[in-house]
Structures are given as structure tokens and as C-alpha cells.
C-alpha atoms as a PDB file:
ATOM      1  CA  UNK A   1     171.925 109.897  91.645  1.00  0.00           C
ATOM      2  CA  UNK A   2     174.306 109.746  94.633  1.00  0.00           C
ATOM      3  CA  UNK A   3     177.059 107.173  94.971  1.00  0.00           C
ATOM      4  CA  UNK A   4     176.159 103.912  96.641  1.00  0.00           C
ATOM      5  CA  UNK A   5     177.578 101.047  98.653  1.00  0.00           C
ATOM      6  CA  UNK A   6     177.217  97.536  97.236  1.00  0.00           C
ATOM      7  CA  UNK A   7     177.512  94.720  99.787  1.00  0.00           C
ATOM      8  CA  UNK A   8     178.359  91.238  98.513  1.00  0.00           C
ATOM      9  CA  UNK A   9     179.127  87.804  99.944  1.00  0.00           C
ATOM     10  CA  UNK A  10     182.012  85.771  98.532  1.00  0.00           C
ATOM     11  CA  UNK A  11     181.981  82.052  97.831  1.00  0.00           C
ATOM     12  CA  UNK A  12     184.017  81.590 101.021  1.00  0.00           C
ATOM     13  CA  UNK A  13     181.175  83.146 103.026  1.00  0.00           C
ATOM     14  CA  UNK A  14     182.895  86.439 103.808  1.00  0.00           C
ATOM     15  CA  UNK A  15     181.442  89.871 103.122  1.00  0.00           C
ATOM     16  CA  UNK A  16     182.866  92.991 101.505  1.00  0.00           C
ATOM     17  CA  UNK A  17     181.564  96.187  99.986  1.00  0.00           C
ATOM     18  CA  UNK A  18     182.389  98.485  97.122  1.00  0.00           C
ATOM     19  CA  UNK A  19     181.645 102.189  97.046  1.00  0.00           C
ATOM     20  CA  UNK A  20     180.413 103.192  93.612  1.00  0.00           C
ATOM     21  CA  UNK A  21     180.566 106.675  92.122  1.00  0.00           C
ATOM     22  CA  UNK A  22     177.515 108.198  90.493  1.00  0.00           C
ATOM     23  CA  UNK A  23     178.704 106.816  87.139  1.00  0.00           C
ATOM     24  CA  UNK A  24     178.846 103.264  88.523  1.00  0.00           C
ATOM     25  CA  UNK A  25     182.626 103.009  88.776  1.00  0.00           C
ATOM     26  CA  UNK A  26     184.150 101.431  91.884  1.00  0.00           C
ATOM     27  CA  UNK A  27     186.006 104.086  93.863  1.00  0.00           C
ATOM     28  CA  UNK A  28     186.691 102.076  97.038  1.00  0.00           C
ATOM     29  CA  UNK A  29     186.746  98.411  98.045  1.00  0.00           C
ATOM     30  CA  UNK A  30     186.664  97.188 101.624  1.00  0.00           C
ATOM     31  CA  UNK A  31     188.541  94.426 103.336  1.00  0.00           C
ATOM     32  CA  UNK A  32     186.828  91.061 103.773  1.00  0.00           C
ATOM     33  CA  UNK A  33     184.626  90.750 106.858  1.00  0.00           C
ATOM     34  CA  UNK A  34     183.643  87.546 108.654  1.00  0.00           C
ATOM     35  CA  UNK A  35     180.085  88.716 109.284  1.00  0.00           C
ATOM     36  CA  UNK A  36     177.523  90.850 107.523  1.00  0.00           C
ATOM     37  CA  UNK A  37     177.173  92.971 110.647  1.00  0.00           C
ATOM     38  CA  UNK A  38     180.882  93.759 110.589  1.00  0.00           C
ATOM     39  CA  UNK A  39     180.667  94.784 106.941  1.00  0.00           C
ATOM     40  CA  UNK A  40     177.690  97.033 107.697  1.00  0.00           C
ATOM     41  CA  UNK A  41     179.692  98.609 110.528  1.00  0.00           C
ATOM     42  CA  UNK A  42     182.500  99.217 108.012  1.00  0.00           C
ATOM     43  CA  UNK A  43     180.065 100.999 105.706  1.00  0.00           C
ATOM     44  CA  UNK A  44     178.841 103.157 108.593  1.00  0.00           C
ATOM     45  CA  UNK A  45     182.447 103.968 109.477  1.00  0.00           C
ATOM     46  CA  UNK A  46     183.247 105.101 105.924  1.00  0.00           C
ATOM     47  CA  UNK A  47     180.114 107.243 105.862  1.00  0.00           C
ATOM     48  CA  UNK A  48     181.128 108.923 109.120  1.00  0.00           C
ATOM     49  CA  UNK A  49     184.862 109.319 108.633  1.00  0.00           C
ATOM     50  CA  UNK A  50     185.066 110.108 104.921  1.00  0.00           C
ATOM     51  CA  UNK A  51     182.813 113.146 105.219  1.00  0.00           C
ATOM     52  CA  UNK A  52     185.574 115.132 106.898  1.00  0.00           C
ATOM     53  CA  UNK A  53     188.573 113.314 105.448  1.00  0.00           C
ATOM     54  CA  UNK A  54     191.601 115.343 104.427  1.00  0.00           C
ATOM     55  CA  UNK A  55     194.178 114.693 101.711  1.00  0.00           C
ATOM     56  CA  UNK A  56     197.728 113.710 102.618  1.00  0.00           C
ATOM     57  CA  UNK A  57     199.440 113.966  99.213  1.00  0.00           C
ATOM     58  CA  UNK A  58     202.742 112.110  99.486  1.00  0.00           C
ATOM     59  CA  UNK A  59     203.587 112.178  95.814  1.00  0.00           C
ATOM     60  CA  UNK A  60     206.801 113.798  94.693  1.00  0.00           C
ATOM     61  CA  UNK A  61     205.105 115.623  91.815  1.00  0.00           C
ATOM     62  CA  UNK A  62     204.495 119.329  92.163  1.00  0.00           C
END
């Protein structure tokens, strides 16, 4: 089973999504969006950008 996006609406009427790993754990949480359409655009953006994302490791550990 692949990971999935879960879109929810808060009591204040704003929308946000979580990205769940295949084991059901939340691995990313979005900002709050005023509209459902904006949240869906955010999901599309993550799908597009994360595919080729690189790692910028700024930790001091070696």
C-alpha cells in the first residue's frame, strides 16, 4: 500500500492535510489553508516537488 494524503477540515473551517507513510504514521503536515482548493493545490505541489527533492543536512553530526 502506498502512502496517502489525508485532507481534513478544522472546527474553524480551515483545511490541512497530512501525508501518511505506508504504516499509517504521519510523516508531513501542511499549513492551514482557507479553502479546500488551496489545500488540494498544496497536495499537488508536494506530489510534484517532493519527487525530486534533495537532502540539505545541516546537522553537526558526522
